[in-house]
Amino acid sequence: MAEKEKAVPFTQVLAALKDDSTPFPPKYLQKFSDLEGRDLNSFELTWASTSPRRKANLLQDLEDLADSETLVCFDNVARVCLTDPNPEVRALSARLLWEAEDPDLIPFFTKMMEKDDDASVRAAGASALGRFVLLGDLEDLPPDAAKEVEDSLLLVCTGSDLPRVRQKALESLGYSNRSEVNTLIQKALDSGDQHWIASALFAISRSLDDRWEKTVLQMMKHPDDEIRFEAIRAAGELELKSAREPLLDTLENSSEDGDNKLAVIWSLSQIGGDDVQEALEEALKQSEDDEEEEYIEEALNNLNFIDDFQLAEFKELPIDDLPIEEDPRENSSK
């Protein structure tokens, strides 16, 4: 079967794309990965006459596939679609480029964020720029370019655009170490608005700054599901050891479900430590959902990877840097 699928000419894939009378075959989706040359040109010509709904459905399917398959890349397809007349398609294209690191995309995303007529597209542009804030923080982007991206996001975040656009700008700024960002995060936390608080926690999850530890722990108890979700996720991203016990209690007591439960599981795999493996294995035994079971297995793999990595780092420490356990007799009363 695999041999036959590989032999399918791309013209047949494009014909299926244009045929609105039947669903697009999922087996053809991988054909759009690493598209280039003549096939890319043919796609661009076909795309212009493809129906808006078909376009949006394809990009959504490609995004879903990219989330589950690590070996596919739809960047070239997404670039073609960035200037599509349909705002839903433009927004989906920006989302499909979330891992792209080409600095040539910065002007496109900045223009989307600042100038597009549609708020969802402006928000998508603001989100896409977050990748380049991260690259700047890692010194994988020239300092001038990194500063320009951050300046653009700061202007939007503090400007007069709709809240959802400014919130996405704040989330992207989470990777930045500029002092203004901490001020903006605190302002969002103090706003009392659930969406601003959730975006602030999202930014905190990217900050790698444990100054927010107390805030994250408090927000894990918030009555709003979205805020708790972002707080739980932030606890994992920041690897807060102080969150381990509350998260273990949450998992044991089944006090979260759906996405929040999955966030608890993944955050525990990031934090690691005592009782985490046992708790995840117990959750796996009790699960009656195939997708949840697969997710827990991935979390267990992540936990083992982190534990192995930390052990390797520990073994590489010089003798003088190894932690020395105190002799309890030294502190005993005479």
Protein backbone atom coordinates (compact mmCIF):
# COMPACT_ATOMS: atom_id res chain seq x y z
CA MET A 1 0.00 0.00 0.00
CA ALA A 2 2.79 2.42 0.93
CA GLU A 3 4.47 1.83 -2.44
CA LYS A 4 1.27 2.68 -4.31
CA GLU A 5 0.71 5.86 -2.30
CA LYS A 6 4.23 7.07 -3.07
CA ALA A 7 3.53 6.55 -6.78
CA VAL A 8 0.50 8.85 -6.78
CA PRO A 9 1.34 11.80 -9.04
CA PHE A 10 0.99 15.23 -7.46
CA THR A 11 -1.42 16.25 -10.23
CA GLN A 12 -3.83 13.67 -8.83
CA VAL A 13 -3.44 15.17 -5.35
CA LEU A 14 -4.22 18.64 -6.69
CA ALA A 15 -7.25 17.33 -8.61
CA ALA A 16 -8.57 15.86 -5.35
CA LEU A 17 -7.97 19.20 -3.62
CA LYS A 18 -10.17 21.02 -6.13
CA ASP A 19 -12.94 18.44 -6.03
CA ASP A 20 -15.39 19.84 -3.47
CA SER A 21 -17.84 16.99 -4.06
CA THR A 22 -15.81 14.49 -1.99
CA PRO A 23 -13.72 14.76 1.20
CA PHE A 24 -10.02 15.25 0.61
CA PRO A 25 -8.22 11.89 1.15
CA PRO A 26 -6.17 12.07 4.39
CA LYS A 27 -3.54 9.77 2.85
CA TYR A 28 -2.59 12.64 0.50
CA LEU A 29 -1.77 15.12 3.29
CA GLN A 30 1.87 14.09 3.57
CA LYS A 31 2.30 14.90 -0.12
CA PHE A 32 2.35 18.58 0.87
CA SER A 33 5.40 18.12 3.12
CA ASP A 34 8.64 19.71 1.85
CA LEU A 35 6.90 20.79 -1.32
CA GLU A 36 9.22 22.52 -3.80
CA GLY A 37 10.04 23.11 -7.47
CA ARG A 38 7.45 22.27 -10.10
CA ASP A 39 5.04 20.74 -7.56
CA LEU A 40 5.12 23.89 -5.46
CA ASN A 41 4.41 26.04 -8.53
CA SER A 42 1.54 23.76 -9.51
CA PHE A 43 0.14 23.97 -5.99
CA GLU A 44 0.26 27.77 -6.08
CA LEU A 45 -1.65 27.87 -9.38
CA THR A 46 -4.24 25.38 -8.13
CA TRP A 47 -4.60 27.19 -4.80
CA ALA A 48 -5.81 30.36 -6.51
CA SER A 49 -8.89 28.56 -7.83
CA THR A 50 -9.57 26.37 -4.79
CA SER A 51 -12.67 27.14 -2.72
CA PRO A 52 -12.14 29.06 0.56
CA ARG A 53 -13.64 26.27 2.68
CA ARG A 54 -11.46 23.65 1.03
CA LYS A 55 -8.39 25.82 1.67
CA ALA A 56 -9.19 26.27 5.34
CA ASN A 57 -9.95 22.57 5.83
CA LEU A 58 -6.67 21.55 4.21
CA LEU A 59 -4.58 23.90 6.34
CA GLN A 60 -6.36 22.75 9.50
CA ASP A 61 -5.66 19.12 8.56
CA LEU A 62 -2.00 19.95 7.86
CA GLU A 63 -1.72 21.68 11.23
CA ASP A 64 -3.18 18.64 12.99
CA LEU A 65 -0.77 16.34 11.15
CA ALA A 66 2.21 18.58 11.99
CA ASP A 67 1.21 18.37 15.67
CA SER A 68 1.34 14.58 15.63
CA GLU A 69 4.11 13.91 13.09
CA THR A 70 7.58 15.35 13.72
CA LEU A 71 9.00 14.51 10.30
CA VAL A 72 6.67 16.64 8.16
CA CYS A 73 7.21 20.27 7.21
CA PHE A 74 4.56 22.39 5.50
CA ASP A 75 6.42 25.71 5.57
CA ASN A 76 6.51 26.16 1.79
CA VAL A 77 2.77 25.55 1.51
CA ALA A 78 2.07 27.98 4.34
CA ARG A 79 4.20 30.69 2.74
CA VAL A 80 2.08 30.50 -0.41
CA CYS A 81 -1.06 30.99 1.68
CA LEU A 82 0.09 33.93 3.85
CA THR A 83 -1.41 36.50 1.47
CA ASP A 84 -4.62 34.61 0.70
CA PRO A 85 -7.73 36.83 0.45
CA ASN A 86 -9.51 34.70 3.07
CA PRO A 87 -8.56 35.84 6.62
CA GLU A 88 -9.13 32.36 8.08
CA VAL A 89 -6.59 30.99 5.61
CA ARG A 90 -4.06 33.72 6.45
CA ALA A 91 -4.39 33.00 10.16
CA LEU A 92 -4.03 29.25 9.65
CA SER A 93 -0.98 29.82 7.48
CA ALA A 94 0.74 31.80 10.22
CA ARG A 95 -0.07 29.07 12.73
CA LEU A 96 1.34 26.42 10.39
CA LEU A 97 4.64 28.34 10.41
CA TRP A 98 4.94 28.30 14.21
CA GLU A 99 8.31 26.48 14.08
CA ALA A 100 9.74 28.40 11.13
CA GLU A 101 12.98 30.25 11.90
CA ASP A 102 13.60 32.12 8.65
CA PRO A 103 14.14 35.84 9.51
CA ASP A 104 12.61 36.72 6.13
CA LEU A 105 9.23 35.88 7.68
CA ILE A 106 9.54 38.62 10.30
CA PRO A 107 8.27 41.42 8.00
CA PHE A 108 5.30 39.26 6.94
CA PHE A 109 4.27 38.49 10.51
CA THR A 110 4.86 42.06 11.67
CA LYS A 111 2.69 43.41 8.86
CA MET A 112 0.00 40.86 9.70
CA MET A 113 0.08 41.90 13.35
CA GLU A 114 0.02 45.63 12.70
CA LYS A 115 -1.94 46.09 9.47
CA ASP A 116 -4.30 43.20 8.70
CA ASP A 117 -8.00 44.09 8.64
CA ASP A 118 -8.96 40.92 10.52
CA ALA A 119 -8.30 40.66 14.27
CA SER A 120 -7.74 36.89 14.17
CA VAL A 121 -5.00 37.38 11.58
CA ARG A 122 -3.39 40.15 13.64
CA ALA A 123 -3.43 37.84 16.65
CA ALA A 124 -1.90 35.01 14.61
CA GLY A 125 0.85 37.34 13.42
CA ALA A 126 1.60 38.37 17.01
CA SER A 127 1.79 34.70 18.06
CA ALA A 128 4.08 33.79 15.17
CA LEU A 129 6.58 36.48 16.19
CA GLY A 130 7.12 34.70 19.51
CA ARG A 131 9.42 32.21 17.78
CA PHE A 132 11.74 35.07 16.84
CA VAL A 133 11.73 36.51 20.35
CA LEU A 134 12.94 33.09 21.48
CA LEU A 135 15.62 33.02 18.77
CA GLY A 136 16.77 36.43 19.91
CA ASP A 137 17.00 35.25 23.51
CA LEU A 138 19.06 32.26 22.34
CA GLU A 139 21.29 34.62 20.33
CA ASP A 140 20.28 32.82 17.13
CA LEU A 141 18.96 36.07 15.67
CA PRO A 142 20.96 39.26 15.13
CA PRO A 143 20.46 41.65 18.10
CA ASP A 144 19.06 44.43 15.92
CA ALA A 145 16.46 42.11 14.39
CA ALA A 146 15.53 40.71 17.81
CA LYS A 147 15.09 44.20 19.24
CA GLU A 148 12.94 45.23 16.29
CA VAL A 149 10.62 42.25 16.86
CA GLU A 150 10.34 42.99 20.59
CA ASP A 151 9.73 46.71 19.95
CA SER A 152 6.90 45.88 17.52
CA LEU A 153 5.29 43.49 20.02
CA LEU A 154 5.61 46.00 22.86
CA LEU A 155 3.92 48.70 20.77
CA VAL A 156 1.01 46.39 20.00
CA CYS A 157 0.75 45.05 23.55
CA THR A 158 0.54 48.57 25.01
CA GLY A 159 -1.50 49.97 22.13
CA SER A 160 -5.20 50.23 21.37
CA ASP A 161 -5.86 47.06 19.39
CA LEU A 162 -8.42 44.51 20.53
CA PRO A 163 -7.52 42.66 23.74
CA ARG A 164 -7.01 39.28 22.05
CA VAL A 165 -4.36 40.78 19.74
CA ARG A 166 -2.55 42.50 22.61
CA GLN A 167 -2.77 39.32 24.70
CA LYS A 168 -1.05 37.31 21.96
CA ALA A 169 1.66 39.96 21.80
CA LEU A 170 2.18 39.60 25.57
CA GLU A 171 2.43 35.81 25.23
CA SER A 172 5.12 36.18 22.57
CA LEU A 173 7.04 38.61 24.77
CA GLY A 174 7.26 35.95 27.47
CA TYR A 175 10.56 34.82 25.94
CA SER A 176 12.05 38.31 26.34
CA ASN A 177 14.19 39.36 29.31
CA ARG A 178 13.37 43.05 28.94
CA SER A 179 12.22 44.67 32.14
CA GLU A 180 9.09 46.11 30.50
CA VAL A 181 7.75 42.60 30.02
CA ASN A 182 7.61 41.80 33.73
CA THR A 183 5.69 45.04 34.27
CA LEU A 184 3.20 44.07 31.56
CA ILE A 185 2.80 40.56 33.00
CA GLN A 186 2.09 41.96 36.46
CA LYS A 187 -0.41 44.45 35.02
CA ALA A 188 -2.22 41.61 33.27
CA LEU A 189 -2.27 39.54 36.47
CA ASP A 190 -3.74 42.48 38.38
CA SER A 191 -6.38 43.22 35.74
CA GLY A 192 -8.96 40.78 37.10
CA ASP A 193 -9.73 39.76 33.51
CA GLN A 194 -9.54 35.98 33.06
CA HIS A 195 -8.14 36.20 29.52
CA TRP A 196 -5.41 38.67 30.48
CA ILE A 197 -4.48 36.53 33.48
CA ALA A 198 -4.31 33.41 31.29
CA SER A 199 -2.08 35.22 28.79
CA ALA A 200 0.14 36.46 31.61
CA LEU A 201 0.56 32.88 32.84
CA PHE A 202 1.32 31.77 29.29
CA ALA A 203 4.05 34.42 29.11
CA ILE A 204 5.34 33.32 32.52
CA SER A 205 5.62 29.73 31.25
CA ARG A 206 8.05 31.00 28.63
CA SER A 207 10.05 33.23 30.95
CA LEU A 208 12.09 30.58 32.83
CA ASP A 209 11.89 33.06 35.71
CA ASP A 210 11.12 31.55 39.11
CA ARG A 211 10.18 34.94 40.53
CA TRP A 212 6.65 33.96 39.47
CA GLU A 213 6.63 30.76 41.54
CA LYS A 214 4.22 32.03 44.20
CA THR A 215 1.88 33.45 41.57
CA VAL A 216 1.79 30.18 39.62
CA LEU A 217 1.05 28.14 42.75
CA GLN A 218 -1.77 30.50 43.72
CA MET A 219 -3.29 30.44 40.23
CA MET A 220 -3.31 26.64 40.23
CA LYS A 221 -6.21 26.99 42.71
CA HIS A 222 -8.13 29.59 40.66
CA PRO A 223 -11.82 28.80 39.99
CA ASP A 224 -11.47 29.53 36.26
CA ASP A 225 -10.55 26.46 34.16
CA GLU A 226 -8.48 28.39 31.62
CA ILE A 227 -6.42 30.12 34.30
CA ARG A 228 -5.81 26.85 36.14
CA PHE A 229 -4.77 25.22 32.87
CA GLU A 230 -2.17 27.91 32.15
CA ALA A 231 -0.92 27.86 35.75
CA ILE A 232 -0.53 24.08 35.70
CA ARG A 233 1.32 24.30 32.40
CA ALA A 234 3.55 27.10 33.69
CA ALA A 235 4.45 25.01 36.75
CA GLY A 236 5.77 22.32 34.42
CA GLU A 237 7.61 24.68 32.09
CA LEU A 238 9.29 26.35 35.06
CA GLU A 239 9.94 22.92 36.63
CA LEU A 240 8.65 24.13 39.99
CA LYS A 241 9.48 21.49 42.59
CA SER A 242 7.01 23.17 44.94
CA ALA A 243 4.20 22.29 42.53
CA ARG A 244 4.93 18.55 42.60
CA GLU A 245 2.82 17.67 45.65
CA PRO A 246 -0.20 19.80 44.68
CA LEU A 247 -0.12 18.28 41.18
CA LEU A 248 0.19 14.75 42.55
CA ASP A 249 -2.77 15.41 44.84
CA THR A 250 -4.77 16.76 41.91
CA LEU A 251 -4.03 13.67 39.84
CA GLU A 252 -4.76 11.25 42.68
CA ASN A 253 -8.04 12.95 43.58
CA SER A 254 -9.15 13.32 39.95
CA SER A 255 -9.97 16.97 40.64
CA GLU A 256 -9.16 17.95 37.05
CA ASP A 257 -10.38 16.42 33.80
CA GLY A 258 -10.03 16.99 30.07
CA ASP A 259 -7.20 19.27 28.97
CA ASN A 260 -6.47 20.30 32.55
CA LYS A 261 -5.85 16.69 33.56
CA LEU A 262 -3.51 16.23 30.61
CA ALA A 263 -1.69 19.41 31.62
CA VAL A 264 -1.23 17.99 35.14
CA ILE A 265 0.21 14.79 33.70
CA TRP A 266 2.65 16.57 31.40
CA SER A 267 3.77 19.07 34.04
CA LEU A 268 4.53 16.24 36.44
CA SER A 269 6.67 14.64 33.74
CA GLN A 270 8.61 17.90 33.41
CA ILE A 271 9.09 18.37 37.15
CA GLY A 272 9.89 14.74 37.98
CA GLY A 273 11.04 13.61 41.42
CA ASP A 274 9.59 11.43 44.14
CA ASP A 275 6.41 9.47 43.41
CA VAL A 276 5.87 10.97 39.94
CA GLN A 277 6.58 7.81 37.94
CA GLU A 278 4.39 5.73 40.24
CA ALA A 279 1.55 8.26 39.94
CA LEU A 280 1.73 8.35 36.15
CA GLU A 281 1.85 4.55 35.93
CA GLU A 282 -1.21 4.34 38.18
CA ALA A 283 -3.02 6.90 36.01
CA LEU A 284 -2.15 4.80 32.97
CA LYS A 285 -3.62 1.67 34.60
CA GLN A 286 -6.84 3.48 35.51
CA SER A 287 -7.32 5.23 32.17
CA GLU A 288 -10.09 3.97 29.91
CA ASP A 289 -9.39 6.35 27.03
CA ASP A 290 -7.00 5.36 24.23
CA GLU A 291 -5.85 8.92 23.50
CA GLU A 292 -5.29 9.62 27.19
CA GLU A 293 -3.30 6.38 27.55
CA GLU A 294 -1.09 7.40 24.63
CA TYR A 295 -0.57 10.82 26.20
CA ILE A 296 0.41 9.30 29.58
CA GLU A 297 2.87 6.98 27.83
CA GLU A 298 4.45 10.01 26.15
CA ALA A 299 4.65 11.72 29.54
CA LEU A 300 6.38 8.70 31.02
CA ASN A 301 8.88 8.75 28.17
CA ASN A 302 9.46 12.46 28.78
CA LEU A 303 9.95 11.81 32.51
CA ASN A 304 12.52 9.11 31.80
CA PHE A 305 14.33 11.34 29.32
CA ILE A 306 14.53 14.19 31.83
CA ASP A 307 15.66 11.87 34.63
CA ASP A 308 18.38 10.40 32.40
CA PHE A 309 19.50 13.87 31.32
CA GLN A 310 19.67 15.15 34.89
CA LEU A 311 21.61 12.03 35.97
CA ALA A 312 24.10 12.56 33.14
CA GLU A 313 24.58 16.20 34.17
CA PHE A 314 25.07 15.12 37.79
CA LYS A 315 27.75 12.61 36.81
CA GLU A 316 29.61 15.31 34.87
CA LEU A 317 29.81 17.68 37.85
CA PRO A 318 33.31 18.19 39.31
CA ILE A 319 33.77 16.51 42.70
CA ASP A 320 33.81 19.88 44.47
CA ASP A 321 30.38 20.77 43.01
CA LEU A 322 28.61 17.57 44.05
CA PRO A 323 26.03 18.05 46.80
CA ILE A 324 27.25 16.70 50.15
CA GLU A 325 24.72 15.28 52.54
CA GLU A 326 25.11 16.69 56.02
CA ASP A 327 25.87 14.36 58.90
CA PRO A 328 22.75 14.67 61.08
CA ARG A 329 24.93 14.13 64.17
CA GLU A 330 26.55 17.54 63.63
CA ASN A 331 23.23 19.27 64.31
CA SER A 332 22.13 17.06 67.19
CA SER A 333 22.03 18.49 70.67
CA LYS A 334 24.85 17.50 72.98
